[in-house]
Amino acid sequence: MSTLAEKVAVMQAHGEGKAIQFKDIVHGPAVWNDVGRPAWNWAQNEYRVKTERTSPRAFRIGFDSGGSTTGLQYHDGRPMRVSSRPTCESSLFVEKIDE
């Protein structure tokens, strides 16, 4: 849950024209989505200033001998959680690079 100061900071950022995202913390799944005009329903949603990505996501895909994927990892080895529901946070662009 956000503190009052965090809530005020997000609302001030919205007033300054910054992009805001929300996620439904009651009904889930808790996925961040863009919102143009926030309702500021803090009992049901969490809000944040949308972060601007400065670099592309780096990740590794594991394959078994049959060519099936065995898992996804971030570049530092942390496992990547993959959602079956496409979202802005789980959509990936994959380019095969021959080494």
C-alpha atoms as a PDB file:
ATOM      1  CA  MET A   1       0.000   0.000   0.000  1.00  0.00           C
ATOM      2  CA  SER A   2       1.226   3.484  -0.821  1.00  0.00           C
ATOM      3  CA  THR A   3       1.899   6.091   1.834  1.00  0.00           C
ATOM      4  CA  LEU A   4       0.094   9.409   1.717  1.00  0.00           C
ATOM      5  CA  ALA A   5       3.285  11.107   0.493  1.00  0.00           C
ATOM      6  CA  GLU A   6       3.616   8.560  -2.347  1.00  0.00           C
ATOM      7  CA  LYS A   7      -0.012   9.078  -3.348  1.00  0.00           C
ATOM      8  CA  VAL A   8       0.434  12.859  -3.390  1.00  0.00           C
ATOM      9  CA  ALA A   9       3.613  12.526  -5.491  1.00  0.00           C
ATOM     10  CA  VAL A  10       1.808  10.401  -8.113  1.00  0.00           C
ATOM     11  CA  MET A  11      -1.132  12.793  -8.249  1.00  0.00           C
ATOM     12  CA  GLN A  12       1.199  15.804  -8.591  1.00  0.00           C
ATOM     13  CA  ALA A  13       3.071  14.032 -11.400  1.00  0.00           C
ATOM     14  CA  HIS A  14      -0.265  13.512 -13.174  1.00  0.00           C
ATOM     15  CA  GLY A  15      -1.002  17.229 -12.779  1.00  0.00           C
ATOM     16  CA  GLU A  16       2.365  17.936 -14.409  1.00  0.00           C
ATOM     17  CA  GLY A  17       1.343  15.858 -17.420  1.00  0.00           C
ATOM     18  CA  LYS A  18       3.341  12.709 -16.678  1.00  0.00           C
ATOM     19  CA  ALA A  19       1.916   9.349 -17.757  1.00  0.00           C
ATOM     20  CA  ILE A  20       0.284   7.312 -14.983  1.00  0.00           C
ATOM     21  CA  GLN A  21      -0.263   3.567 -14.664  1.00  0.00           C
ATOM     22  CA  PHE A  22      -2.516   1.569 -12.345  1.00  0.00           C
ATOM     23  CA  LYS A  23      -3.018  -2.026 -11.284  1.00  0.00           C
ATOM     24  CA  ASP A  24      -6.097  -3.585  -9.693  1.00  0.00           C
ATOM     25  CA  ILE A  25      -4.971  -4.889  -6.299  1.00  0.00           C
ATOM     26  CA  VAL A  26      -8.377  -6.350  -5.395  1.00  0.00           C
ATOM     27  CA  HIS A  27      -9.461  -8.371  -8.428  1.00  0.00           C
ATOM     28  CA  GLY A  28      -6.064  -8.942 -10.082  1.00  0.00           C
ATOM     29  CA  PRO A  29      -4.140 -10.044 -11.943  1.00  0.00           C
ATOM     30  CA  ALA A  30      -1.952  -7.248 -10.677  1.00  0.00           C
ATOM     31  CA  VAL A  31      -0.616  -5.972 -14.001  1.00  0.00           C
ATOM     32  CA  TRP A  32       0.360  -2.361 -14.627  1.00  0.00           C
ATOM     33  CA  ASN A  33      -1.817  -0.638 -17.261  1.00  0.00           C
ATOM     34  CA  ASP A  34      -1.755   2.880 -18.688  1.00  0.00           C
ATOM     35  CA  VAL A  35      -4.559   5.182 -17.557  1.00  0.00           C
ATOM     36  CA  GLY A  36      -5.451   8.525 -19.136  1.00  0.00           C
ATOM     37  CA  ARG A  37      -7.796   9.884 -16.472  1.00  0.00           C
ATOM     38  CA  PRO A  38      -7.183   8.129 -13.144  1.00  0.00           C
ATOM     39  CA  ALA A  39     -10.189   7.633 -10.854  1.00  0.00           C
ATOM     40  CA  TRP A  40      -7.829   7.692  -7.839  1.00  0.00           C
ATOM     41  CA  ASN A  41      -9.594   4.717  -6.266  1.00  0.00           C
ATOM     42  CA  TRP A  42      -6.773   3.862  -3.858  1.00  0.00           C
ATOM     43  CA  ALA A  43      -8.875   1.181  -2.116  1.00  0.00           C
ATOM     44  CA  GLN A  44      -8.949  -0.921  -5.305  1.00  0.00           C
ATOM     45  CA  ASN A  45      -5.991   0.298  -7.354  1.00  0.00           C
ATOM     46  CA  GLU A  46      -2.362   1.158  -6.925  1.00  0.00           C
ATOM     47  CA  TYR A  47      -0.981   3.998  -9.070  1.00  0.00           C
ATOM     48  CA  ARG A  48       2.511   4.945 -10.217  1.00  0.00           C
ATOM     49  CA  VAL A  49       4.259   7.291 -12.609  1.00  0.00           C
ATOM     50  CA  LYS A  50       5.008   5.336 -15.780  1.00  0.00           C
ATOM     51  CA  THR A  51       8.688   4.562 -15.985  1.00  0.00           C
ATOM     52  CA  GLU A  52      10.495   5.369 -19.189  1.00  0.00           C
ATOM     53  CA  ARG A  53      12.617   2.526 -20.464  1.00  0.00           C
ATOM     54  CA  THR A  54      16.093   3.727 -21.347  1.00  0.00           C
ATOM     55  CA  SER A  55      17.434   0.420 -22.631  1.00  0.00           C
ATOM     56  CA  PRO A  56      15.903  -2.699 -24.141  1.00  0.00           C
ATOM     57  CA  ARG A  57      15.201  -5.691 -21.927  1.00  0.00           C
ATOM     58  CA  ALA A  58      17.908  -8.309 -22.055  1.00  0.00           C
ATOM     59  CA  PHE A  59      16.977 -11.917 -21.411  1.00  0.00           C
ATOM     60  CA  ARG A  60      17.941 -15.493 -22.150  1.00  0.00           C
ATOM     61  CA  ILE A  61      15.746 -18.254 -23.510  1.00  0.00           C
ATOM     62  CA  GLY A  62      16.681 -21.843 -22.750  1.00  0.00           C
ATOM     63  CA  PHE A  63      16.035 -24.581 -25.334  1.00  0.00           C
ATOM     64  CA  ASP A  64      16.153 -28.344 -24.955  1.00  0.00           C
ATOM     65  CA  SER A  65      17.562 -30.674 -27.629  1.00  0.00           C
ATOM     66  CA  GLY A  66      14.149 -30.838 -29.333  1.00  0.00           C
ATOM     67  CA  GLY A  67      13.957 -27.074 -29.725  1.00  0.00           C
ATOM     68  CA  SER A  68      11.320 -26.499 -27.024  1.00  0.00           C
ATOM     69  CA  THR A  69      11.794 -23.635 -24.601  1.00  0.00           C
ATOM     70  CA  THR A  70      12.902 -24.625 -21.120  1.00  0.00           C
ATOM     71  CA  GLY A  71      12.718 -21.260 -19.422  1.00  0.00           C
ATOM     72  CA  LEU A  72      13.233 -17.543 -19.601  1.00  0.00           C
ATOM     73  CA  GLN A  73      15.757 -15.575 -17.565  1.00  0.00           C
ATOM     74  CA  TYR A  74      16.762 -11.959 -17.273  1.00  0.00           C
ATOM     75  CA  HIS A  75      20.354 -11.224 -18.294  1.00  0.00           C
ATOM     76  CA  ASP A  76      21.457 -11.502 -14.642  1.00  0.00           C
ATOM     77  CA  GLY A  77      19.993 -15.010 -14.252  1.00  0.00           C
ATOM     78  CA  ARG A  78      16.782 -14.146 -12.380  1.00  0.00           C
ATOM     79  CA  PRO A  79      13.840 -16.217 -13.664  1.00  0.00           C
ATOM     80  CA  MET A  80      11.351 -14.274 -15.773  1.00  0.00           C
ATOM     81  CA  ARG A  81       7.679 -14.721 -14.925  1.00  0.00           C
ATOM     82  CA  VAL A  82       5.676 -15.054 -18.114  1.00  0.00           C
ATOM     83  CA  SER A  83       1.999 -14.233 -18.221  1.00  0.00           C
ATOM     84  CA  SER A  84      -0.279 -16.022 -20.652  1.00  0.00           C
ATOM     85  CA  ARG A  85      -2.240 -12.771 -20.931  1.00  0.00           C
ATOM     86  CA  PRO A  86      -0.399 -10.272 -23.148  1.00  0.00           C
ATOM     87  CA  THR A  87       0.413  -7.042 -21.364  1.00  0.00           C
ATOM     88  CA  CYS A  88       2.756  -4.174 -21.938  1.00  0.00           C
ATOM     89  CA  GLU A  89       5.024  -5.664 -19.255  1.00  0.00           C
ATOM     90  CA  SER A  90       5.117  -9.230 -20.559  1.00  0.00           C
ATOM     91  CA  SER A  91       5.207  -8.670 -24.317  1.00  0.00           C
ATOM     92  CA  LEU A  92       8.632  -9.448 -25.720  1.00  0.00           C
ATOM     93  CA  PHE A  93      10.363  -8.860 -29.011  1.00  0.00           C
ATOM     94  CA  VAL A  94      12.725 -11.748 -29.735  1.00  0.00           C
ATOM     95  CA  GLU A  95      15.485 -11.642 -32.304  1.00  0.00           C
ATOM     96  CA  LYS A  96      17.695 -14.670 -32.886  1.00  0.00           C
ATOM     97  CA  ILE A  97      21.353 -13.804 -32.954  1.00  0.00           C
ATOM     98  CA  ASP A  98      23.795 -16.319 -34.410  1.00  0.00           C
ATOM     99  CA  GLU A  99      26.967 -16.457 -32.358  1.00  0.00           C
END
